[in-house]
Amino acid sequence: MNSGVIGRLQNVVKDCPDFPTKGILFKDIMPIFQDPDLVQDTCLALIEKILKTGKPDVVVGIEARGFLIGPIIAQNLKVPFVAVRKKGKLPRECYTVKYEKEYGADEFDIQKDALKKRSKSCPCR
């Protein structure tokens, strides 16, 4: 990623120690969205990096941060956006995956018809 964009991101992303639990250093990315130019430059830098491995067929946004940048990237790439949500938040039939985080386990759902077989996806989280 462009070193100028990285420096600007480092200046605005806030460290939140012991959030949501003691021992976790949470990175608050919300200040990025107070600067539309930084959002645009960040997305363009990410798109440039993504395209180095080939254009994806779909961008997959993982709740909740993936919903912020994922649709912008998908729109710029002119590919669909698919949401991965916490278990029980999507209608219709879903696949569920369980995973471990630094501070506990969680489950995510994706609708069974959201991705085509063998599609190349780009996750945003």
C-alpha atoms as a PDB file:
ATOM      1  CA  MET A   1       0.000   0.000   0.000  1.00  0.00           C
ATOM      2  CA  ASN A   2       1.148   3.556  -0.692  1.00  0.00           C
ATOM      3  CA  SER A   3       3.380   4.757   2.167  1.00  0.00           C
ATOM      4  CA  GLY A   4       1.670   8.179   2.171  1.00  0.00           C
ATOM      5  CA  VAL A   5      -1.714   6.554   2.746  1.00  0.00           C
ATOM      6  CA  ILE A   6      -0.257   4.298   5.441  1.00  0.00           C
ATOM      7  CA  GLY A   7       1.187   7.301   7.281  1.00  0.00           C
ATOM      8  CA  ARG A   8      -2.120   9.145   7.106  1.00  0.00           C
ATOM      9  CA  LEU A   9      -3.955   6.063   8.413  1.00  0.00           C
ATOM     10  CA  GLN A  10      -1.482   5.673  11.283  1.00  0.00           C
ATOM     11  CA  ASN A  11      -2.177   9.285  12.259  1.00  0.00           C
ATOM     12  CA  VAL A  12      -5.955   8.852  12.504  1.00  0.00           C
ATOM     13  CA  VAL A  13      -6.544   5.240  13.644  1.00  0.00           C
ATOM     14  CA  LYS A  14      -6.885   5.270  17.431  1.00  0.00           C
ATOM     15  CA  ASP A  15      -5.596   2.591  19.805  1.00  0.00           C
ATOM     16  CA  CYS A  16      -8.128   1.577  22.473  1.00  0.00           C
ATOM     17  CA  PRO A  17      -6.384  -0.609  25.068  1.00  0.00           C
ATOM     18  CA  ASP A  18      -8.414  -3.162  27.003  1.00  0.00           C
ATOM     19  CA  PHE A  19     -11.385  -2.940  24.629  1.00  0.00           C
ATOM     20  CA  PRO A  20     -13.665  -4.880  24.472  1.00  0.00           C
ATOM     21  CA  THR A  21     -11.913  -6.851  27.201  1.00  0.00           C
ATOM     22  CA  LYS A  22      -8.715  -6.506  29.215  1.00  0.00           C
ATOM     23  CA  GLY A  23      -5.603  -7.389  27.235  1.00  0.00           C
ATOM     24  CA  ILE A  24      -7.033  -6.528  23.786  1.00  0.00           C
ATOM     25  CA  LEU A  25      -5.706  -3.543  21.825  1.00  0.00           C
ATOM     26  CA  PHE A  26      -8.639  -2.466  19.645  1.00  0.00           C
ATOM     27  CA  LYS A  27      -7.935  -0.328  16.574  1.00  0.00           C
ATOM     28  CA  ASP A  28     -10.702   2.276  16.152  1.00  0.00           C
ATOM     29  CA  ILE A  29     -10.954   2.981  12.410  1.00  0.00           C
ATOM     30  CA  MET A  30     -13.980   5.287  12.636  1.00  0.00           C
ATOM     31  CA  PRO A  31     -11.873   8.488  12.428  1.00  0.00           C
ATOM     32  CA  ILE A  32     -10.912   7.476   8.861  1.00  0.00           C
ATOM     33  CA  PHE A  33     -14.500   8.153   7.803  1.00  0.00           C
ATOM     34  CA  GLN A  34     -14.305  11.764   8.966  1.00  0.00           C
ATOM     35  CA  ASP A  35     -11.944  12.423   6.018  1.00  0.00           C
ATOM     36  CA  PRO A  36     -13.576  11.561   2.659  1.00  0.00           C
ATOM     37  CA  ASP A  37     -10.274  11.979   0.819  1.00  0.00           C
ATOM     38  CA  LEU A  38      -8.604   9.475   3.140  1.00  0.00           C
ATOM     39  CA  VAL A  39     -11.450   6.994   2.600  1.00  0.00           C
ATOM     40  CA  GLN A  40     -11.070   7.344  -1.160  1.00  0.00           C
ATOM     41  CA  ASP A  41      -7.268   7.117  -1.099  1.00  0.00           C
ATOM     42  CA  THR A  42      -7.411   4.079   1.214  1.00  0.00           C
ATOM     43  CA  CYS A  43      -9.893   2.297  -1.054  1.00  0.00           C
ATOM     44  CA  LEU A  44      -7.846   3.076  -4.169  1.00  0.00           C
ATOM     45  CA  ALA A  45      -4.673   1.779  -2.496  1.00  0.00           C
ATOM     46  CA  LEU A  46      -6.474  -1.408  -1.415  1.00  0.00           C
ATOM     47  CA  ILE A  47      -7.897  -1.902  -4.910  1.00  0.00           C
ATOM     48  CA  GLU A  48      -4.414  -1.535  -6.407  1.00  0.00           C
ATOM     49  CA  LYS A  49      -3.129  -4.215  -4.014  1.00  0.00           C
ATOM     50  CA  ILE A  50      -6.116  -6.509  -4.691  1.00  0.00           C
ATOM     51  CA  LEU A  51      -5.653  -6.283  -8.463  1.00  0.00           C
ATOM     52  CA  LYS A  52      -2.042  -7.474  -8.165  1.00  0.00           C
ATOM     53  CA  THR A  53      -3.457 -10.957  -7.485  1.00  0.00           C
ATOM     54  CA  GLY A  54      -6.182 -10.647 -10.132  1.00  0.00           C
ATOM     55  CA  LYS A  55      -9.649  -9.154 -10.156  1.00  0.00           C
ATOM     56  CA  PRO A  56     -12.020 -10.949  -7.770  1.00  0.00           C
ATOM     57  CA  ASP A  57     -15.472 -12.132  -8.804  1.00  0.00           C
ATOM     58  CA  VAL A  58     -16.980 -10.824  -5.565  1.00  0.00           C
ATOM     59  CA  VAL A  59     -16.062  -8.776  -2.493  1.00  0.00           C
ATOM     60  CA  VAL A  60     -17.135 -10.358   0.798  1.00  0.00           C
ATOM     61  CA  GLY A  61     -17.654  -7.983   3.727  1.00  0.00           C
ATOM     62  CA  ILE A  62     -17.403  -9.478   7.182  1.00  0.00           C
ATOM     63  CA  GLU A  63     -19.482  -7.828   9.912  1.00  0.00           C
ATOM     64  CA  ALA A  64     -19.109  -5.077  10.825  1.00  0.00           C
ATOM     65  CA  ARG A  65     -15.954  -3.344   9.591  1.00  0.00           C
ATOM     66  CA  GLY A  66     -16.164  -5.145   6.255  1.00  0.00           C
ATOM     67  CA  PHE A  67     -19.439  -3.329   5.598  1.00  0.00           C
ATOM     68  CA  LEU A  68     -17.677   0.043   5.632  1.00  0.00           C
ATOM     69  CA  ILE A  69     -15.036  -0.381   2.929  1.00  0.00           C
ATOM     70  CA  GLY A  70     -16.222  -3.571   1.186  1.00  0.00           C
ATOM     71  CA  PRO A  71     -19.101  -2.030  -0.789  1.00  0.00           C
ATOM     72  CA  ILE A  72     -16.902   0.865  -1.941  1.00  0.00           C
ATOM     73  CA  ILE A  73     -14.245  -1.564  -3.183  1.00  0.00           C
ATOM     74  CA  ALA A  74     -16.860  -3.772  -4.872  1.00  0.00           C
ATOM     75  CA  GLN A  75     -18.438  -0.781  -6.595  1.00  0.00           C
ATOM     76  CA  ASN A  76     -15.071   0.429  -7.897  1.00  0.00           C
ATOM     77  CA  LEU A  77     -14.200  -3.073  -9.133  1.00  0.00           C
ATOM     78  CA  LYS A  78     -17.714  -3.432 -10.613  1.00  0.00           C
ATOM     79  CA  VAL A  79     -18.273  -6.753  -8.845  1.00  0.00           C
ATOM     80  CA  PRO A  80     -20.989  -7.854  -6.406  1.00  0.00           C
ATOM     81  CA  PHE A  81     -20.760  -7.346  -2.657  1.00  0.00           C
ATOM     82  CA  VAL A  82     -21.772 -10.164  -0.294  1.00  0.00           C
ATOM     83  CA  ALA A  83     -22.355  -9.629   3.423  1.00  0.00           C
ATOM     84  CA  VAL A  84     -21.231 -12.115   6.066  1.00  0.00           C
ATOM     85  CA  ARG A  85     -23.241 -11.475   9.221  1.00  0.00           C
ATOM     86  CA  LYS A  86     -23.384 -12.688  12.776  1.00  0.00           C
ATOM     87  CA  LYS A  87     -25.400 -15.868  13.167  1.00  0.00           C
ATOM     88  CA  GLY A  88     -29.144 -15.342  12.904  1.00  0.00           C
ATOM     89  CA  LYS A  89     -29.043 -11.910  11.207  1.00  0.00           C
ATOM     90  CA  LEU A  90     -29.601 -13.053   7.616  1.00  0.00           C
ATOM     91  CA  PRO A  91     -32.902 -14.341   6.199  1.00  0.00           C
ATOM     92  CA  ARG A  92     -33.080 -17.498   4.106  1.00  0.00           C
ATOM     93  CA  GLU A  93     -30.858 -20.563   4.247  1.00  0.00           C
ATOM     94  CA  CYS A  94     -27.263 -19.950   5.381  1.00  0.00           C
ATOM     95  CA  TYR A  95     -23.954 -21.670   5.902  1.00  0.00           C
ATOM     96  CA  THR A  96     -22.545 -21.074   9.380  1.00  0.00           C
ATOM     97  CA  VAL A  97     -18.920 -21.020  10.448  1.00  0.00           C
ATOM     98  CA  LYS A  98     -17.602 -20.942  14.007  1.00  0.00           C
ATOM     99  CA  TYR A  99     -14.320 -19.256  14.816  1.00  0.00           C
ATOM    100  CA  GLU A 100     -12.172 -18.160  17.732  1.00  0.00           C
ATOM    101  CA  LYS A 101     -11.263 -14.532  18.398  1.00  0.00           C
ATOM    102  CA  GLU A 102      -8.748 -13.160  20.871  1.00  0.00           C
ATOM    103  CA  TYR A 103     -11.538 -12.791  23.415  1.00  0.00           C
ATOM    104  CA  GLY A 104     -13.963 -15.619  22.670  1.00  0.00           C
ATOM    105  CA  ALA A 105     -15.805 -17.651  20.051  1.00  0.00           C
ATOM    106  CA  ASP A 106     -18.347 -16.398  17.523  1.00  0.00           C
ATOM    107  CA  GLU A 107     -20.373 -17.605  14.544  1.00  0.00           C
ATOM    108  CA  PHE A 108     -20.973 -16.042  11.147  1.00  0.00           C
ATOM    109  CA  ASP A 109     -23.569 -16.758   8.457  1.00  0.00           C
ATOM    110  CA  ILE A 110     -23.463 -16.382   4.691  1.00  0.00           C
ATOM    111  CA  GLN A 111     -26.494 -17.055   2.520  1.00  0.00           C
ATOM    112  CA  LYS A 112     -26.160 -20.321   0.629  1.00  0.00           C
ATOM    113  CA  ASP A 113     -26.822 -18.706  -2.749  1.00  0.00           C
ATOM    114  CA  ALA A 114     -24.529 -15.695  -2.204  1.00  0.00           C
ATOM    115  CA  LEU A 115     -21.431 -17.145  -3.873  1.00  0.00           C
ATOM    116  CA  LYS A 116     -21.035 -19.177  -7.026  1.00  0.00           C
ATOM    117  CA  LYS A 117     -18.865 -22.310  -6.966  1.00  0.00           C
ATOM    118  CA  ARG A 118     -15.186 -21.575  -7.539  1.00  0.00           C
ATOM    119  CA  SER A 119     -15.692 -17.817  -7.507  1.00  0.00           C
ATOM    120  CA  LYS A 120     -12.642 -15.788  -6.534  1.00  0.00           C
ATOM    121  CA  SER A 121     -13.550 -13.706  -3.518  1.00  0.00           C
ATOM    122  CA  CYS A 122     -11.820 -10.843  -1.743  1.00  0.00           C
ATOM    123  CA  PRO A 123     -12.613 -10.665   1.985  1.00  0.00           C
ATOM    124  CA  CYS A 124     -12.906  -7.313   3.754  1.00  0.00           C
ATOM    125  CA  ARG A 125     -12.963  -7.323   7.545  1.00  0.00           C
END
